[in-house]
Amino acid sequence: MLNVIMLYIIATPIGNLEDITLRALRILKEVNLIACEDTRVTKKLLNHYDIKTSLISYHQHSRIAKVDYLIGELKKGKDIALVTDAGAPGISDPGNILVAEVLKNGMQVSPIPGASALTTLISAAGINTQKFIFLGFPPHKKGRKTFFQEVISQKYPVIYYDSVHRVIKNLKLLKELKKENLEIIIGRELTKMHEEIIRGSVGEILEHFEKNPEKLKGEFAVIAETLNKK
């Protein structure tokens, strides 16, 4: 059982529900409350493992009142787990805001590691990732070109996340900005039944999706690397 009042930061599967640690399952059962991005998504995970812990939504649109409520629950002696829909909280999601407030209030935070699209793709990339840069999600509109100019200007591999709705448009912009020596690795549906990791030039990746439009689904993790850097 839990002995110290704590906010637990728990990584959840990015696709395959088996990709969760035994420790994460134990903590999810023992805490008093689970703060999650989407209660419907987290409920599927909990139902799969017969976990009955109460849920409360906490996401990028949550107001400071929700943070204050969670801080108040911790002060009452309740343990809370923070999860996102998939992967590790705090990576391209607002988990860091809650963590900062918990620490500011003198309470403890404990990370429970697990799945992440970032590390999953890196592990299968087959490139030198002793140093890399992670940029999260590209902007939807304002700053999008600047974002991708930053991607191609780096001397190290750049990793970013993309959505099914914008990945083609963003690849086309990359092709316009950097016509040579840019290699792309895309992880799609990672850990799921239709997992696919594809590698090639931007043109080759675009051609792949043009020939296989049915594969434009799910979430995308992207590595962009400029070859023959001086």
C-alpha atoms as a PDB file:
ATOM      1  CA  MET A   1       0.000   0.000   0.000  1.00  0.00           C
ATOM      2  CA  LEU A   2       1.021   3.637  -0.446  1.00  0.00           C
ATOM      3  CA  ASN A   3       2.669   5.260   2.564  1.00  0.00           C
ATOM      4  CA  VAL A   4       3.458   8.804   1.401  1.00  0.00           C
ATOM      5  CA  ILE A   5       0.961  11.226  -0.121  1.00  0.00           C
ATOM      6  CA  MET A   6       2.090  11.591  -3.703  1.00  0.00           C
ATOM      7  CA  LEU A   7       1.267  12.705  -7.209  1.00  0.00           C
ATOM      8  CA  TYR A   8       2.235   9.779  -9.429  1.00  0.00           C
ATOM      9  CA  ILE A   9       3.079  10.520 -13.070  1.00  0.00           C
ATOM     10  CA  ILE A  10       2.218   7.296 -14.898  1.00  0.00           C
ATOM     11  CA  ALA A  11       3.071   6.404 -18.484  1.00  0.00           C
ATOM     12  CA  THR A  12       0.307   4.452 -20.217  1.00  0.00           C
ATOM     13  CA  PRO A  13       0.376   2.331 -23.406  1.00  0.00           C
ATOM     14  CA  ILE A  14       0.617   4.168 -26.727  1.00  0.00           C
ATOM     15  CA  GLY A  15      -1.425   1.470 -28.457  1.00  0.00           C
ATOM     16  CA  ASN A  16      -0.982  -2.045 -27.176  1.00  0.00           C
ATOM     17  CA  LEU A  17      -2.619  -2.338 -23.752  1.00  0.00           C
ATOM     18  CA  GLU A  18      -0.034  -4.924 -22.698  1.00  0.00           C
ATOM     19  CA  ASP A  19       2.644  -2.216 -22.708  1.00  0.00           C
ATOM     20  CA  ILE A  20       2.128  -1.124 -19.111  1.00  0.00           C
ATOM     21  CA  THR A  21       4.300  -1.997 -16.148  1.00  0.00           C
ATOM     22  CA  LEU A  22       3.233  -4.057 -13.148  1.00  0.00           C
ATOM     23  CA  ARG A  23       4.127  -1.114 -10.930  1.00  0.00           C
ATOM     24  CA  ALA A  24       1.898   1.230 -12.933  1.00  0.00           C
ATOM     25  CA  LEU A  25      -1.044  -1.168 -12.579  1.00  0.00           C
ATOM     26  CA  ARG A  26      -0.502  -1.449  -8.832  1.00  0.00           C
ATOM     27  CA  ILE A  27      -0.350   2.321  -8.350  1.00  0.00           C
ATOM     28  CA  LEU A  28      -3.461   2.882 -10.492  1.00  0.00           C
ATOM     29  CA  LYS A  29      -5.334   0.480  -8.218  1.00  0.00           C
ATOM     30  CA  GLU A  30      -4.056   2.005  -4.972  1.00  0.00           C
ATOM     31  CA  VAL A  31      -4.410   5.757  -5.558  1.00  0.00           C
ATOM     32  CA  ASN A  32      -7.562   7.596  -4.543  1.00  0.00           C
ATOM     33  CA  LEU A  33      -8.011   9.426  -7.836  1.00  0.00           C
ATOM     34  CA  ILE A  34      -6.747   9.327 -11.421  1.00  0.00           C
ATOM     35  CA  ALA A  35      -6.478  12.611 -13.342  1.00  0.00           C
ATOM     36  CA  CYS A  36      -6.623  11.837 -17.050  1.00  0.00           C
ATOM     37  CA  GLU A  37      -6.738  13.554 -20.424  1.00  0.00           C
ATOM     38  CA  ASP A  38      -9.944  11.831 -21.560  1.00  0.00           C
ATOM     39  CA  THR A  39     -11.941   9.745 -19.083  1.00  0.00           C
ATOM     40  CA  ARG A  40     -13.360   7.607 -21.911  1.00  0.00           C
ATOM     41  CA  VAL A  41      -9.894   6.605 -23.131  1.00  0.00           C
ATOM     42  CA  THR A  42      -8.533   5.897 -19.664  1.00  0.00           C
ATOM     43  CA  LYS A  43     -11.665   3.948 -18.744  1.00  0.00           C
ATOM     44  CA  LYS A  44     -10.863   1.450 -21.510  1.00  0.00           C
ATOM     45  CA  LEU A  45      -7.452   0.808 -19.963  1.00  0.00           C
ATOM     46  CA  LEU A  46      -8.873   0.515 -16.457  1.00  0.00           C
ATOM     47  CA  ASN A  47     -11.656  -1.820 -17.563  1.00  0.00           C
ATOM     48  CA  HIS A  48      -9.121  -4.040 -19.313  1.00  0.00           C
ATOM     49  CA  TYR A  49      -7.301  -4.523 -16.014  1.00  0.00           C
ATOM     50  CA  ASP A  50     -10.398  -4.412 -13.787  1.00  0.00           C
ATOM     51  CA  ILE A  51      -9.335  -1.230 -12.000  1.00  0.00           C
ATOM     52  CA  LYS A  52     -12.137   0.682 -10.265  1.00  0.00           C
ATOM     53  CA  THR A  53     -10.349   3.895  -9.230  1.00  0.00           C
ATOM     54  CA  SER A  54     -12.308   7.144  -9.695  1.00  0.00           C
ATOM     55  CA  LEU A  55     -11.437   9.386 -12.645  1.00  0.00           C
ATOM     56  CA  ILE A  56     -11.344  13.145 -13.147  1.00  0.00           C
ATOM     57  CA  SER A  57     -10.506  14.918 -16.406  1.00  0.00           C
ATOM     58  CA  TYR A  58      -7.378  17.052 -16.629  1.00  0.00           C
ATOM     59  CA  HIS A  59      -6.241  18.241 -20.064  1.00  0.00           C
ATOM     60  CA  GLN A  60      -4.855  21.212 -22.003  1.00  0.00           C
ATOM     61  CA  HIS A  61      -8.122  23.140 -21.716  1.00  0.00           C
ATOM     62  CA  SER A  62      -8.472  22.640 -17.957  1.00  0.00           C
ATOM     63  CA  ARG A  63      -8.515  25.869 -15.998  1.00  0.00           C
ATOM     64  CA  ILE A  64      -6.469  26.746 -12.938  1.00  0.00           C
ATOM     65  CA  ALA A  65      -9.484  25.824 -10.805  1.00  0.00           C
ATOM     66  CA  LYS A  66      -8.946  22.169 -11.756  1.00  0.00           C
ATOM     67  CA  VAL A  67      -5.299  22.396 -10.695  1.00  0.00           C
ATOM     68  CA  ASP A  68      -6.361  23.996  -7.414  1.00  0.00           C
ATOM     69  CA  TYR A  69      -8.883  21.201  -6.866  1.00  0.00           C
ATOM     70  CA  LEU A  70      -6.248  18.497  -7.374  1.00  0.00           C
ATOM     71  CA  ILE A  71      -3.823  20.317  -5.071  1.00  0.00           C
ATOM     72  CA  GLY A  72      -6.607  20.470  -2.482  1.00  0.00           C
ATOM     73  CA  GLU A  73      -7.238  16.737  -2.759  1.00  0.00           C
ATOM     74  CA  LEU A  74      -3.538  16.051  -2.214  1.00  0.00           C
ATOM     75  CA  LYS A  75      -3.551  18.298   0.843  1.00  0.00           C
ATOM     76  CA  LYS A  76      -6.447  16.238   2.210  1.00  0.00           C
ATOM     77  CA  GLY A  77      -4.168  13.214   2.115  1.00  0.00           C
ATOM     78  CA  LYS A  78      -5.361  11.657  -1.128  1.00  0.00           C
ATOM     79  CA  ASP A  79      -2.913  10.068  -3.557  1.00  0.00           C
ATOM     80  CA  ILE A  80      -3.431  11.018  -7.217  1.00  0.00           C
ATOM     81  CA  ALA A  81      -2.157   9.471 -10.445  1.00  0.00           C
ATOM     82  CA  LEU A  82      -1.778  11.628 -13.543  1.00  0.00           C
ATOM     83  CA  VAL A  83      -2.061   9.911 -16.922  1.00  0.00           C
ATOM     84  CA  THR A  84      -2.412  11.038 -20.513  1.00  0.00           C
ATOM     85  CA  ASP A  85      -4.329   9.226 -23.259  1.00  0.00           C
ATOM     86  CA  ALA A  86      -1.149   7.517 -24.432  1.00  0.00           C
ATOM     87  CA  GLY A  87       2.467   7.699 -23.362  1.00  0.00           C
ATOM     88  CA  ALA A  88       4.150   9.740 -20.668  1.00  0.00           C
ATOM     89  CA  PRO A  89       2.475  12.833 -19.178  1.00  0.00           C
ATOM     90  CA  GLY A  90       4.431  16.052 -19.604  1.00  0.00           C
ATOM     91  CA  ILE A  91       5.683  15.196 -23.107  1.00  0.00           C
ATOM     92  CA  SER A  92       3.703  17.493 -25.415  1.00  0.00           C
ATOM     93  CA  ASP A  93       0.863  17.713 -22.880  1.00  0.00           C
ATOM     94  CA  PRO A  94       0.025  19.956 -19.894  1.00  0.00           C
ATOM     95  CA  GLY A  95       1.158  17.563 -17.160  1.00  0.00           C
ATOM     96  CA  ASN A  96       4.105  19.835 -16.355  1.00  0.00           C
ATOM     97  CA  ILE A  97       1.734  22.574 -15.147  1.00  0.00           C
ATOM     98  CA  LEU A  98       0.221  20.361 -12.461  1.00  0.00           C
ATOM     99  CA  VAL A  99       3.627  18.975 -11.492  1.00  0.00           C
ATOM    100  CA  ALA A 100       5.018  22.500 -11.055  1.00  0.00           C
ATOM    101  CA  GLU A 101       2.131  23.487  -8.788  1.00  0.00           C
ATOM    102  CA  VAL A 102       2.448  20.329  -6.709  1.00  0.00           C
ATOM    103  CA  LEU A 103       6.145  20.992  -6.193  1.00  0.00           C
ATOM    104  CA  LYS A 104       5.459  24.644  -5.417  1.00  0.00           C
ATOM    105  CA  ASN A 105       3.145  23.481  -2.635  1.00  0.00           C
ATOM    106  CA  GLY A 106       5.879  21.368  -1.118  1.00  0.00           C
ATOM    107  CA  MET A 107       4.402  17.991  -2.039  1.00  0.00           C
ATOM    108  CA  GLN A 108       6.066  15.036  -3.696  1.00  0.00           C
ATOM    109  CA  VAL A 109       5.975  13.765  -7.274  1.00  0.00           C
ATOM    110  CA  SER A 110       6.972  10.267  -8.379  1.00  0.00           C
ATOM    111  CA  PRO A 111       7.370   9.248 -12.058  1.00  0.00           C
ATOM    112  CA  ILE A 112       6.312   5.739 -13.113  1.00  0.00           C
ATOM    113  CA  PRO A 113       8.091   5.175 -16.463  1.00  0.00           C
ATOM    114  CA  GLY A 114       6.721   3.286 -19.423  1.00  0.00           C
ATOM    115  CA  ALA A 115       5.756   3.624 -23.059  1.00  0.00           C
ATOM    116  CA  SER A 116       6.473   6.738 -25.117  1.00  0.00           C
ATOM    117  CA  ALA A 117       6.183   7.228 -28.874  1.00  0.00           C
ATOM    118  CA  LEU A 118       9.378   9.288 -28.694  1.00  0.00           C
ATOM    119  CA  THR A 119      11.576   6.544 -27.241  1.00  0.00           C
ATOM    120  CA  THR A 120       9.767   3.774 -29.118  1.00  0.00           C
ATOM    121  CA  LEU A 121      10.638   5.243 -32.513  1.00  0.00           C
ATOM    122  CA  ILE A 122      14.179   6.134 -31.473  1.00  0.00           C
ATOM    123  CA  SER A 123      14.838   2.555 -30.398  1.00  0.00           C
ATOM    124  CA  ALA A 124      13.981   1.259 -33.890  1.00  0.00           C
ATOM    125  CA  ALA A 125      15.415   4.135 -35.937  1.00  0.00           C
ATOM    126  CA  GLY A 126      18.829   2.626 -36.614  1.00  0.00           C
ATOM    127  CA  ILE A 127      20.553   6.018 -36.539  1.00  0.00           C
ATOM    128  CA  ASN A 128      22.911   7.729 -34.116  1.00  0.00           C
ATOM    129  CA  THR A 129      20.707   9.253 -31.413  1.00  0.00           C
ATOM    130  CA  GLN A 130      23.339   9.958 -28.764  1.00  0.00           C
ATOM    131  CA  LYS A 131      22.168  13.525 -29.319  1.00  0.00           C
ATOM    132  CA  PHE A 132      18.797  14.538 -30.716  1.00  0.00           C
ATOM    133  CA  ILE A 133      16.275  17.372 -30.527  1.00  0.00           C
ATOM    134  CA  PHE A 134      12.586  16.943 -29.710  1.00  0.00           C
ATOM    135  CA  LEU A 135      10.219  19.692 -30.847  1.00  0.00           C
ATOM    136  CA  GLY A 136       6.767  18.334 -29.970  1.00  0.00           C
ATOM    137  CA  PHE A 137       3.884  19.118 -32.340  1.00  0.00           C
ATOM    138  CA  PRO A 138       4.284  21.662 -35.172  1.00  0.00           C
ATOM    139  CA  PRO A 139       2.066  24.764 -34.985  1.00  0.00           C
ATOM    140  CA  HIS A 140      -1.157  24.494 -36.956  1.00  0.00           C
ATOM    141  CA  LYS A 141      -0.829  27.841 -38.719  1.00  0.00           C
ATOM    142  CA  LYS A 142       1.250  30.728 -37.384  1.00  0.00           C
ATOM    143  CA  GLY A 143       4.891  29.750 -37.008  1.00  0.00           C
ATOM    144  CA  ARG A 144       4.594  26.520 -39.016  1.00  0.00           C
ATOM    145  CA  LYS A 145       7.203  27.498 -41.619  1.00  0.00           C
ATOM    146  CA  THR A 146       9.554  28.736 -38.894  1.00  0.00           C
ATOM    147  CA  PHE A 147       9.133  25.421 -37.082  1.00  0.00           C
ATOM    148  CA  PHE A 148      10.237  23.411 -40.102  1.00  0.00           C
ATOM    149  CA  GLN A 149      13.067  25.804 -40.896  1.00  0.00           C
ATOM    150  CA  GLU A 150      14.311  25.005 -37.409  1.00  0.00           C
ATOM    151  CA  VAL A 151      13.937  21.277 -38.126  1.00  0.00           C
ATOM    152  CA  ILE A 152      16.204  21.358 -41.193  1.00  0.00           C
ATOM    153  CA  SER A 153      18.768  23.715 -39.638  1.00  0.00           C
ATOM    154  CA  GLN A 154      19.787  21.308 -36.873  1.00  0.00           C
ATOM    155  CA  LYS A 155      23.006  19.266 -36.897  1.00  0.00           C
ATOM    156  CA  TYR A 156      21.321  16.492 -34.890  1.00  0.00           C
ATOM    157  CA  PRO A 157      18.248  14.368 -35.701  1.00  0.00           C
ATOM    158  CA  VAL A 158      15.001  16.176 -34.950  1.00  0.00           C
ATOM    159  CA  ILE A 159      11.970  14.311 -33.644  1.00  0.00           C
ATOM    160  CA  TYR A 160       8.469  15.691 -33.678  1.00  0.00           C
ATOM    161  CA  TYR A 161       4.903  14.432 -33.482  1.00  0.00           C
ATOM    162  CA  ASP A 162       2.323  14.954 -36.213  1.00  0.00           C
ATOM    163  CA  SER A 163      -1.351  14.250 -36.811  1.00  0.00           C
ATOM    164  CA  VAL A 164      -3.064  12.434 -39.646  1.00  0.00           C
ATOM    165  CA  HIS A 165      -4.700  15.719 -40.666  1.00  0.00           C
ATOM    166  CA  ARG A 166      -1.445  17.614 -41.227  1.00  0.00           C
ATOM    167  CA  VAL A 167       1.374  15.145 -41.811  1.00  0.00           C
ATOM    168  CA  ILE A 168       1.212  15.291 -45.640  1.00  0.00           C
ATOM    169  CA  LYS A 169       1.010  19.081 -45.720  1.00  0.00           C
ATOM    170  CA  ASN A 170       3.989  19.288 -43.371  1.00  0.00           C
ATOM    171  CA  LEU A 171       6.054  16.807 -45.384  1.00  0.00           C
ATOM    172  CA  LYS A 172       5.385  18.831 -48.529  1.00  0.00           C
ATOM    173  CA  LEU A 173       6.611  21.958 -46.733  1.00  0.00           C
ATOM    174  CA  LEU A 174       9.762  20.113 -45.667  1.00  0.00           C
ATOM    175  CA  LYS A 175      10.346  19.084 -49.278  1.00  0.00           C
ATOM    176  CA  GLU A 176      10.041  22.699 -50.411  1.00  0.00           C
ATOM    177  CA  LEU A 177      12.440  23.922 -47.751  1.00  0.00           C
ATOM    178  CA  LYS A 178      15.061  21.176 -48.043  1.00  0.00           C
ATOM    179  CA  LYS A 179      15.210  19.376 -51.377  1.00  0.00           C
ATOM    180  CA  GLU A 180      18.368  17.339 -50.764  1.00  0.00           C
ATOM    181  CA  ASN A 181      20.011  15.246 -48.041  1.00  0.00           C
ATOM    182  CA  LEU A 182      16.969  15.124 -45.789  1.00  0.00           C
ATOM    183  CA  GLU A 183      16.056  11.649 -44.587  1.00  0.00           C
ATOM    184  CA  ILE A 184      12.783  10.899 -42.845  1.00  0.00           C
ATOM    185  CA  ILE A 185      11.759   8.071 -40.500  1.00  0.00           C
ATOM    186  CA  ILE A 186       8.076   7.840 -39.652  1.00  0.00           C
ATOM    187  CA  GLY A 187       6.532   5.612 -37.025  1.00  0.00           C
ATOM    188  CA  ARG A 188       2.813   5.084 -37.575  1.00  0.00           C
ATOM    189  CA  GLU A 189       0.424   3.129 -35.342  1.00  0.00           C
ATOM    190  CA  LEU A 190       3.379   2.198 -33.124  1.00  0.00           C
ATOM    191  CA  THR A 191       2.775  -0.941 -30.988  1.00  0.00           C
ATOM    192  CA  LYS A 192      -0.579  -1.542 -32.705  1.00  0.00           C
ATOM    193  CA  MET A 193      -1.650  -4.255 -35.140  1.00  0.00           C
ATOM    194  CA  HIS A 194      -0.899  -2.134 -38.221  1.00  0.00           C
ATOM    195  CA  GLU A 195       2.390  -0.706 -36.947  1.00  0.00           C
ATOM    196  CA  GLU A 196       4.596   0.664 -39.692  1.00  0.00           C
ATOM    197  CA  ILE A 197       8.026   2.289 -39.673  1.00  0.00           C
ATOM    198  CA  ILE A 198       9.063   3.741 -43.012  1.00  0.00           C
ATOM    199  CA  ARG A 199      12.319   5.370 -44.058  1.00  0.00           C
ATOM    200  CA  GLY A 200      13.400   7.416 -47.044  1.00  0.00           C
ATOM    201  CA  SER A 201      13.636  10.869 -48.568  1.00  0.00           C
ATOM    202  CA  VAL A 202      10.715  13.221 -48.163  1.00  0.00           C
ATOM    203  CA  GLY A 203       9.720  12.493 -51.766  1.00  0.00           C
ATOM    204  CA  GLU A 204       9.782   8.745 -51.165  1.00  0.00           C
ATOM    205  CA  ILE A 205       7.675   9.063 -48.021  1.00  0.00           C
ATOM    206  CA  LEU A 206       5.122  11.227 -49.826  1.00  0.00           C
ATOM    207  CA  GLU A 207       4.980   8.753 -52.698  1.00  0.00           C
ATOM    208  CA  HIS A 208       4.409   5.918 -50.213  1.00  0.00           C
ATOM    209  CA  PHE A 209       1.327   7.617 -48.787  1.00  0.00           C
ATOM    210  CA  GLU A 210       0.062   8.676 -52.216  1.00  0.00           C
ATOM    211  CA  LYS A 211       0.123   5.022 -53.280  1.00  0.00           C
ATOM    212  CA  ASN A 212      -1.313   3.825 -49.967  1.00  0.00           C
ATOM    213  CA  PRO A 213      -3.789   6.494 -48.801  1.00  0.00           C
ATOM    214  CA  GLU A 214      -5.452   3.957 -46.487  1.00  0.00           C
ATOM    215  CA  LYS A 215      -2.334   4.142 -44.316  1.00  0.00           C
ATOM    216  CA  LEU A 216      -2.984   7.763 -43.440  1.00  0.00           C
ATOM    217  CA  LYS A 217      -4.453   7.014 -40.036  1.00  0.00           C
ATOM    218  CA  GLY A 218      -3.365   7.104 -36.424  1.00  0.00           C
ATOM    219  CA  GLU A 219      -0.684   9.212 -34.786  1.00  0.00           C
ATOM    220  CA  PHE A 220       2.728   9.866 -36.322  1.00  0.00           C
ATOM    221  CA  ALA A 221       6.165  10.192 -34.775  1.00  0.00           C
ATOM    222  CA  VAL A 222       8.699  11.662 -37.202  1.00  0.00           C
ATOM    223  CA  ILE A 223      12.485  11.819 -37.267  1.00  0.00           C
ATOM    224  CA  ALA A 224      14.103  14.236 -39.726  1.00  0.00           C
ATOM    225  CA  GLU A 225      17.853  14.023 -40.237  1.00  0.00           C
ATOM    226  CA  THR A 226      20.006  16.063 -42.597  1.00  0.00           C
ATOM    227  CA  LEU A 227      22.748  13.805 -43.966  1.00  0.00           C
ATOM    228  CA  ASN A 228      26.349  14.732 -44.778  1.00  0.00           C
ATOM    229  CA  LYS A 229      26.338  17.602 -42.325  1.00  0.00           C
ATOM    230  CA  LYS A 230      29.604  19.521 -42.190  1.00  0.00           C
END
